[in-house]
Amino acid sequence: MSSEGRFRFSLLPVGLSVVMAALALLGGAGPGAAQKNGDVRAQALDAQGGPIAGIQITLMKAGGQSQQKAADAEGKVHFDGLAGGVYIATAAPEGYAGVTCPGVRVVGQSRQVEIRLMPKDGPEPSSCKVVP
């Protein structure tokens, strides 16, 4: 790659050069493409908004990396030092409807995730949202 962010595949046949250039672009190779580390702070709350202590919250990144932590007395967990990328937060504690929160983007900042857990046989589903 040149200093202008261009790729040159001079020794490859023309068709293969195009494929290699497309793969380089799709792979995010280029100036400023490195994704910065960040962290995710999640909080588990019950239907009334009270914290749920001790439940396991799992954070997974595409490609299979995952971490699981137990919520503290305030229903909070902190996943720090995460590689930049998109994560999925999940929780499925006993007695509550499980929840999956996709699309938690970590790129050099702290992301807040609020997980609202509802009773397993209740009329409303559990939910989650990324809080700005």
N, C-alpha and C. Protein backbone atom coordinates (compact mmCIF):
# COMPACT_ATOMS: atom_id res chain seq x y z
N MET A 1 0.86 -1.16 0.00
CA MET A 1 0.00 0.00 0.00
C MET A 1 0.91 1.22 0.00
N SER A 2 0.57 2.19 -0.83
CA SER A 2 1.36 3.42 -0.90
C SER A 2 0.96 4.37 0.22
N SER A 3 1.70 5.48 0.34
CA SER A 3 1.38 6.46 1.38
C SER A 3 0.03 7.13 1.15
N GLU A 4 -0.50 7.03 -0.07
CA GLU A 4 -1.83 7.59 -0.35
C GLU A 4 -2.94 6.58 -0.08
N GLY A 5 -2.58 5.39 0.40
CA GLY A 5 -3.60 4.38 0.70
C GLY A 5 -4.00 3.56 -0.51
N ARG A 6 -3.17 3.53 -1.55
CA ARG A 6 -3.47 2.77 -2.75
C ARG A 6 -2.71 1.46 -2.76
N PHE A 7 -3.32 0.46 -3.39
CA PHE A 7 -2.71 -0.85 -3.52
C PHE A 7 -2.26 -1.05 -4.95
N ARG A 8 -1.10 -1.71 -5.14
CA ARG A 8 -0.61 -2.01 -6.49
C ARG A 8 -0.29 -3.49 -6.53
N PHE A 9 -0.92 -4.19 -7.48
CA PHE A 9 -0.69 -5.62 -7.66
C PHE A 9 -0.15 -5.81 -9.07
N SER A 10 1.09 -5.42 -9.31
CA SER A 10 1.65 -5.36 -10.64
C SER A 10 2.00 -6.73 -11.22
N LEU A 11 2.29 -7.72 -10.42
CA LEU A 11 2.72 -9.01 -10.94
C LEU A 11 1.57 -10.03 -11.05
N LEU A 12 0.37 -9.62 -10.75
CA LEU A 12 -0.78 -10.53 -10.81
C LEU A 12 -1.55 -10.31 -12.10
N PRO A 13 -2.19 -11.37 -12.61
CA PRO A 13 -3.06 -11.18 -13.78
C PRO A 13 -4.17 -10.18 -13.43
N VAL A 14 -4.70 -9.51 -14.44
CA VAL A 14 -5.67 -8.43 -14.24
C VAL A 14 -6.85 -8.87 -13.38
N GLY A 15 -7.47 -10.00 -13.65
CA GLY A 15 -8.63 -10.45 -12.88
C GLY A 15 -8.29 -10.68 -11.42
N LEU A 16 -7.15 -11.27 -11.15
CA LEU A 16 -6.73 -11.53 -9.78
C LEU A 16 -6.39 -10.23 -9.05
N SER A 17 -5.86 -9.24 -9.77
CA SER A 17 -5.57 -7.94 -9.17
C SER A 17 -6.83 -7.30 -8.64
N VAL A 18 -7.91 -7.39 -9.41
CA VAL A 18 -9.18 -6.81 -8.99
C VAL A 18 -9.70 -7.52 -7.74
N VAL A 19 -9.60 -8.84 -7.70
CA VAL A 19 -10.06 -9.61 -6.54
C VAL A 19 -9.23 -9.24 -5.31
N MET A 20 -7.91 -9.15 -5.44
CA MET A 20 -7.06 -8.80 -4.31
C MET A 20 -7.36 -7.40 -3.80
N ALA A 21 -7.59 -6.45 -4.70
CA ALA A 21 -7.92 -5.08 -4.28
C ALA A 21 -9.25 -5.07 -3.54
N ALA A 22 -10.24 -5.82 -4.01
CA ALA A 22 -11.54 -5.87 -3.34
C ALA A 22 -11.41 -6.48 -1.95
N LEU A 23 -10.63 -7.54 -1.82
CA LEU A 23 -10.43 -8.15 -0.51
C LEU A 23 -9.73 -7.20 0.45
N ALA A 24 -8.78 -6.45 -0.04
CA ALA A 24 -8.07 -5.49 0.81
C ALA A 24 -9.04 -4.42 1.32
N LEU A 25 -9.92 -3.95 0.45
CA LEU A 25 -10.88 -2.93 0.86
C LEU A 25 -11.92 -3.49 1.82
N LEU A 26 -12.43 -4.68 1.54
CA LEU A 26 -13.44 -5.28 2.42
C LEU A 26 -12.85 -5.64 3.77
N GLY A 27 -11.59 -5.98 3.80
CA GLY A 27 -10.94 -6.36 5.05
C GLY A 27 -10.62 -5.16 5.92
N GLY A 28 -10.86 -3.95 5.42
CA GLY A 28 -10.62 -2.76 6.21
C GLY A 28 -9.19 -2.28 6.15
N ALA A 29 -8.37 -2.85 5.26
CA ALA A 29 -6.99 -2.40 5.16
C ALA A 29 -6.96 -1.03 4.52
N GLY A 30 -6.31 -0.12 5.12
CA GLY A 30 -6.22 1.23 4.60
C GLY A 30 -5.91 2.18 5.73
N PRO A 31 -5.57 3.43 5.40
CA PRO A 31 -5.24 4.40 6.44
C PRO A 31 -6.39 4.58 7.42
N GLY A 32 -6.09 4.54 8.69
CA GLY A 32 -7.10 4.79 9.72
C GLY A 32 -8.09 3.66 9.92
N ALA A 33 -7.84 2.50 9.30
CA ALA A 33 -8.82 1.41 9.38
C ALA A 33 -8.72 0.63 10.68
N ALA A 34 -7.62 0.76 11.42
CA ALA A 34 -7.46 0.00 12.66
C ALA A 34 -8.56 0.39 13.64
N GLN A 35 -9.20 -0.60 14.23
CA GLN A 35 -10.27 -0.32 15.18
C GLN A 35 -9.66 -0.20 16.57
N LYS A 36 -10.04 0.85 17.27
CA LYS A 36 -9.48 1.13 18.59
C LYS A 36 -10.19 0.33 19.67
N ASN A 37 -9.45 0.07 20.73
CA ASN A 37 -10.02 -0.64 21.87
C ASN A 37 -11.02 0.23 22.61
N GLY A 38 -11.90 -0.41 23.36
CA GLY A 38 -12.89 0.31 24.15
C GLY A 38 -13.42 -0.60 25.24
N ASP A 39 -14.55 -0.24 25.82
CA ASP A 39 -15.13 -1.07 26.86
C ASP A 39 -16.65 -1.02 26.79
N VAL A 40 -17.27 -1.99 27.44
CA VAL A 40 -18.73 -2.07 27.52
C VAL A 40 -19.11 -2.17 28.99
N ARG A 41 -20.03 -1.32 29.39
CA ARG A 41 -20.60 -1.35 30.74
C ARG A 41 -22.07 -1.71 30.57
N ALA A 42 -22.47 -2.77 31.24
CA ALA A 42 -23.86 -3.23 31.14
C ALA A 42 -24.50 -3.21 32.52
N GLN A 43 -25.81 -2.99 32.52
CA GLN A 43 -26.56 -3.05 33.77
C GLN A 43 -27.83 -3.85 33.54
N ALA A 44 -28.08 -4.81 34.44
CA ALA A 44 -29.28 -5.64 34.38
C ALA A 44 -30.31 -5.10 35.37
N LEU A 45 -31.51 -4.85 34.85
CA LEU A 45 -32.60 -4.31 35.68
C LEU A 45 -33.83 -5.20 35.55
N ASP A 46 -34.65 -5.23 36.61
CA ASP A 46 -35.89 -6.00 36.55
C ASP A 46 -37.01 -5.13 35.98
N ALA A 47 -38.22 -5.67 35.96
CA ALA A 47 -39.37 -4.97 35.36
C ALA A 47 -39.66 -3.63 36.02
N GLN A 48 -39.34 -3.49 37.31
CA GLN A 48 -39.58 -2.24 38.02
C GLN A 48 -38.39 -1.28 37.97
N GLY A 49 -37.30 -1.70 37.30
CA GLY A 49 -36.12 -0.85 37.21
C GLY A 49 -35.11 -1.07 38.30
N GLY A 50 -35.32 -2.08 39.13
CA GLY A 50 -34.36 -2.38 40.19
C GLY A 50 -33.22 -3.24 39.67
N PRO A 51 -32.02 -3.12 40.23
CA PRO A 51 -30.88 -3.91 39.76
C PRO A 51 -31.04 -5.40 40.09
N ILE A 52 -30.48 -6.24 39.24
CA ILE A 52 -30.48 -7.68 39.47
C ILE A 52 -29.04 -8.11 39.68
N ALA A 53 -28.70 -8.44 40.91
CA ALA A 53 -27.33 -8.83 41.26
C ALA A 53 -27.07 -10.30 40.94
N GLY A 54 -25.83 -10.60 40.59
CA GLY A 54 -25.38 -11.97 40.44
C GLY A 54 -25.66 -12.66 39.12
N ILE A 55 -26.45 -12.07 38.24
CA ILE A 55 -26.73 -12.75 36.98
C ILE A 55 -25.51 -12.70 36.06
N GLN A 56 -25.39 -13.69 35.21
CA GLN A 56 -24.29 -13.76 34.26
C GLN A 56 -24.66 -13.02 32.98
N ILE A 57 -23.78 -12.12 32.57
CA ILE A 57 -23.94 -11.41 31.30
C ILE A 57 -22.77 -11.80 30.43
N THR A 58 -23.07 -12.20 29.19
CA THR A 58 -22.04 -12.65 28.26
C THR A 58 -21.89 -11.62 27.15
N LEU A 59 -20.64 -11.36 26.78
CA LEU A 59 -20.34 -10.46 25.67
C LEU A 59 -19.54 -11.26 24.66
N MET A 60 -20.06 -11.32 23.41
CA MET A 60 -19.41 -12.10 22.36
C MET A 60 -19.07 -11.21 21.18
N LYS A 61 -17.91 -11.46 20.60
CA LYS A 61 -17.49 -10.76 19.38
C LYS A 61 -17.57 -11.74 18.22
N ALA A 62 -17.88 -11.22 17.04
CA ALA A 62 -17.88 -12.06 15.86
C ALA A 62 -16.54 -12.78 15.77
N GLY A 63 -16.55 -14.05 15.48
CA GLY A 63 -15.34 -14.83 15.42
C GLY A 63 -15.17 -15.72 16.63
N GLY A 64 -16.11 -15.66 17.57
CA GLY A 64 -16.11 -16.60 18.67
C GLY A 64 -15.55 -16.15 19.99
N GLN A 65 -14.91 -14.98 20.07
CA GLN A 65 -14.39 -14.54 21.36
C GLN A 65 -15.55 -14.18 22.27
N SER A 66 -15.50 -14.64 23.52
CA SER A 66 -16.56 -14.28 24.46
C SER A 66 -16.02 -14.16 25.88
N GLN A 67 -16.72 -13.34 26.66
CA GLN A 67 -16.42 -13.17 28.08
C GLN A 67 -17.73 -13.22 28.83
N GLN A 68 -17.69 -13.74 30.05
CA GLN A 68 -18.89 -13.78 30.88
C GLN A 68 -18.52 -13.26 32.27
N LYS A 69 -19.39 -12.38 32.78
CA LYS A 69 -19.15 -11.82 34.11
C LYS A 69 -20.46 -11.78 34.88
N ALA A 70 -20.33 -11.86 36.22
CA ALA A 70 -21.50 -11.78 37.10
C ALA A 70 -21.74 -10.32 37.48
N ALA A 71 -23.01 -9.94 37.47
CA ALA A 71 -23.39 -8.57 37.84
C ALA A 71 -23.15 -8.34 39.33
N ASP A 72 -22.71 -7.13 39.67
CA ASP A 72 -22.48 -6.78 41.07
C ASP A 72 -23.81 -6.45 41.75
N ALA A 73 -23.77 -5.93 42.97
CA ALA A 73 -24.98 -5.62 43.74
C ALA A 73 -25.88 -4.60 43.05
N GLU A 74 -25.30 -3.78 42.16
CA GLU A 74 -26.09 -2.78 41.41
C GLU A 74 -26.51 -3.30 40.04
N GLY A 75 -26.28 -4.61 39.79
CA GLY A 75 -26.64 -5.21 38.51
C GLY A 75 -25.69 -4.85 37.38
N LYS A 76 -24.50 -4.36 37.73
CA LYS A 76 -23.56 -3.86 36.72
C LYS A 76 -22.39 -4.81 36.48
N VAL A 77 -21.93 -4.82 35.22
CA VAL A 77 -20.70 -5.50 34.84
C VAL A 77 -19.90 -4.55 33.96
N HIS A 78 -18.58 -4.75 33.94
CA HIS A 78 -17.70 -3.91 33.13
C HIS A 78 -16.74 -4.81 32.36
N PHE A 79 -16.83 -4.77 31.05
CA PHE A 79 -15.92 -5.49 30.17
C PHE A 79 -14.94 -4.45 29.62
N ASP A 80 -13.68 -4.50 30.06
CA ASP A 80 -12.73 -3.48 29.62
C ASP A 80 -11.65 -4.08 28.73
N GLY A 81 -10.91 -3.19 28.04
CA GLY A 81 -9.82 -3.62 27.17
C GLY A 81 -10.28 -4.44 25.98
N LEU A 82 -11.48 -4.16 25.47
CA LEU A 82 -12.01 -4.92 24.34
C LEU A 82 -11.41 -4.44 23.02
N ALA A 83 -11.10 -5.37 22.14
CA ALA A 83 -10.66 -5.02 20.81
C ALA A 83 -11.83 -4.36 20.08
N GLY A 84 -11.54 -3.39 19.25
CA GLY A 84 -12.60 -2.72 18.49
C GLY A 84 -13.37 -3.71 17.64
N GLY A 85 -14.66 -3.47 17.48
CA GLY A 85 -15.51 -4.33 16.67
C GLY A 85 -16.94 -4.30 17.15
N VAL A 86 -17.73 -5.25 16.67
CA VAL A 86 -19.14 -5.34 17.02
C VAL A 86 -19.35 -6.56 17.91
N TYR A 87 -20.07 -6.35 19.00
CA TYR A 87 -20.30 -7.39 20.00
C TYR A 87 -21.79 -7.66 20.16
N ILE A 88 -22.09 -8.78 20.79
CA ILE A 88 -23.46 -9.16 21.16
C ILE A 88 -23.46 -9.41 22.66
N ALA A 89 -24.38 -8.75 23.38
CA ALA A 89 -24.53 -8.99 24.82
C ALA A 89 -25.74 -9.90 25.02
N THR A 90 -25.61 -10.88 25.90
CA THR A 90 -26.72 -11.79 26.18
C THR A 90 -26.84 -12.03 27.69
N ALA A 91 -28.06 -12.33 28.10
CA ALA A 91 -28.34 -12.72 29.48
C ALA A 91 -29.55 -13.65 29.46
N ALA A 92 -29.49 -14.73 30.23
CA ALA A 92 -30.60 -15.67 30.31
C ALA A 92 -30.66 -16.26 31.72
N PRO A 93 -30.91 -15.41 32.71
CA PRO A 93 -30.93 -15.90 34.09
C PRO A 93 -32.19 -16.70 34.41
N GLU A 94 -32.06 -17.56 35.41
CA GLU A 94 -33.18 -18.38 35.89
C GLU A 94 -34.36 -17.49 36.29
N GLY A 95 -35.55 -17.84 35.80
CA GLY A 95 -36.76 -17.12 36.17
C GLY A 95 -37.08 -15.91 35.30
N TYR A 96 -36.17 -15.54 34.40
CA TYR A 96 -36.38 -14.39 33.52
C TYR A 96 -36.32 -14.83 32.06
N ALA A 97 -37.01 -14.09 31.20
CA ALA A 97 -36.91 -14.33 29.76
C ALA A 97 -35.53 -13.89 29.30
N GLY A 98 -34.84 -14.73 28.55
CA GLY A 98 -33.51 -14.39 28.04
C GLY A 98 -33.57 -13.24 27.05
N VAL A 99 -32.42 -12.61 26.85
CA VAL A 99 -32.37 -11.47 25.94
C VAL A 99 -31.03 -11.47 25.21
N THR A 100 -31.06 -11.04 23.95
CA THR A 100 -29.86 -10.88 23.14
C THR A 100 -29.84 -9.46 22.61
N CYS A 101 -28.72 -8.79 22.79
CA CYS A 101 -28.57 -7.40 22.35
C CYS A 101 -27.46 -7.34 21.29
N PRO A 102 -27.83 -7.41 20.01
CA PRO A 102 -26.81 -7.39 18.95
C PRO A 102 -26.36 -5.96 18.62
N GLY A 103 -25.26 -5.87 17.92
CA GLY A 103 -24.83 -4.58 17.38
C GLY A 103 -24.23 -3.61 18.37
N VAL A 104 -23.55 -4.11 19.41
CA VAL A 104 -22.90 -3.21 20.37
C VAL A 104 -21.52 -2.88 19.78
N ARG A 105 -21.40 -1.71 19.18
CA ARG A 105 -20.18 -1.32 18.48
C ARG A 105 -19.18 -0.68 19.44
N VAL A 106 -17.97 -1.24 19.47
CA VAL A 106 -16.90 -0.74 20.31
C VAL A 106 -15.78 -0.24 19.39
N VAL A 107 -15.57 1.05 19.37
CA VAL A 107 -14.49 1.63 18.56
C VAL A 107 -13.92 2.81 19.34
N GLY A 108 -13.04 2.52 20.28
CA GLY A 108 -12.35 3.56 21.01
C GLY A 108 -13.18 4.34 22.01
N GLN A 109 -14.29 3.80 22.45
CA GLN A 109 -15.09 4.51 23.44
C GLN A 109 -15.78 3.52 24.37
N SER A 110 -16.43 4.06 25.38
CA SER A 110 -17.18 3.24 26.32
C SER A 110 -18.63 3.17 25.85
N ARG A 111 -19.18 1.96 25.80
CA ARG A 111 -20.58 1.77 25.42
C ARG A 111 -21.36 1.32 26.64
N GLN A 112 -22.55 1.87 26.82
CA GLN A 112 -23.44 1.51 27.92
C GLN A 112 -24.59 0.65 27.37
N VAL A 113 -24.83 -0.47 27.99
CA VAL A 113 -25.93 -1.35 27.58
C VAL A 113 -26.86 -1.54 28.77
N GLU A 114 -28.14 -1.24 28.55
CA GLU A 114 -29.15 -1.46 29.59
C GLU A 114 -29.95 -2.70 29.22
N ILE A 115 -29.94 -3.68 30.12
CA ILE A 115 -30.66 -4.93 29.91
C ILE A 115 -31.85 -4.95 30.87
N ARG A 116 -33.05 -4.98 30.31
CA ARG A 116 -34.27 -5.00 31.11
C ARG A 116 -34.85 -6.41 31.03
N LEU A 117 -34.80 -7.14 32.17
CA LEU A 117 -35.25 -8.52 32.21
C LEU A 117 -36.66 -8.63 32.79
N MET A 118 -37.49 -9.35 32.07
CA MET A 118 -38.88 -9.55 32.46
C MET A 118 -39.08 -10.99 32.92
N PRO A 119 -40.10 -11.24 33.76
CA PRO A 119 -40.36 -12.61 34.21
C PRO A 119 -40.54 -13.56 33.03
N LYS A 120 -40.04 -14.78 33.19
CA LYS A 120 -40.06 -15.76 32.11
C LYS A 120 -41.45 -16.00 31.53
N ASP A 121 -42.47 -16.07 32.35
CA ASP A 121 -43.83 -16.33 31.86
C ASP A 121 -44.67 -15.07 31.80
N GLY A 122 -44.03 -13.90 31.85
CA GLY A 122 -44.75 -12.63 31.84
C GLY A 122 -45.24 -12.24 30.45
N PRO A 123 -46.08 -11.20 30.39
CA PRO A 123 -46.66 -10.77 29.12
C PRO A 123 -45.68 -9.99 28.22
N GLU A 124 -44.60 -9.44 28.80
CA GLU A 124 -43.66 -8.65 28.00
C GLU A 124 -42.32 -9.37 27.90
N PRO A 125 -41.66 -9.22 26.74
CA PRO A 125 -40.34 -9.83 26.59
C PRO A 125 -39.25 -9.00 27.26
N SER A 126 -38.14 -9.63 27.57
CA SER A 126 -36.97 -8.88 28.04
C SER A 126 -36.47 -8.03 26.88
N SER A 127 -35.73 -6.97 27.20
CA SER A 127 -35.23 -6.10 26.14
C SER A 127 -33.86 -5.56 26.53
N CYS A 128 -33.22 -4.95 25.56
CA CYS A 128 -31.94 -4.29 25.83
C CYS A 128 -31.77 -3.15 24.85
N LYS A 129 -30.94 -2.20 25.26
CA LYS A 129 -30.65 -1.08 24.36
C LYS A 129 -29.28 -0.52 24.71
N VAL A 130 -28.63 0.02 23.68
CA VAL A 130 -27.37 0.71 23.88
C VAL A 130 -27.74 2.14 24.23
N VAL A 131 -27.28 2.58 25.39
CA VAL A 131 -27.62 3.90 25.90
C VAL A 131 -26.55 4.89 25.44
N PRO A 132 -26.98 6.02 24.85
CA PRO A 132 -25.99 7.00 24.38
C PRO A 132 -25.20 7.63 25.52
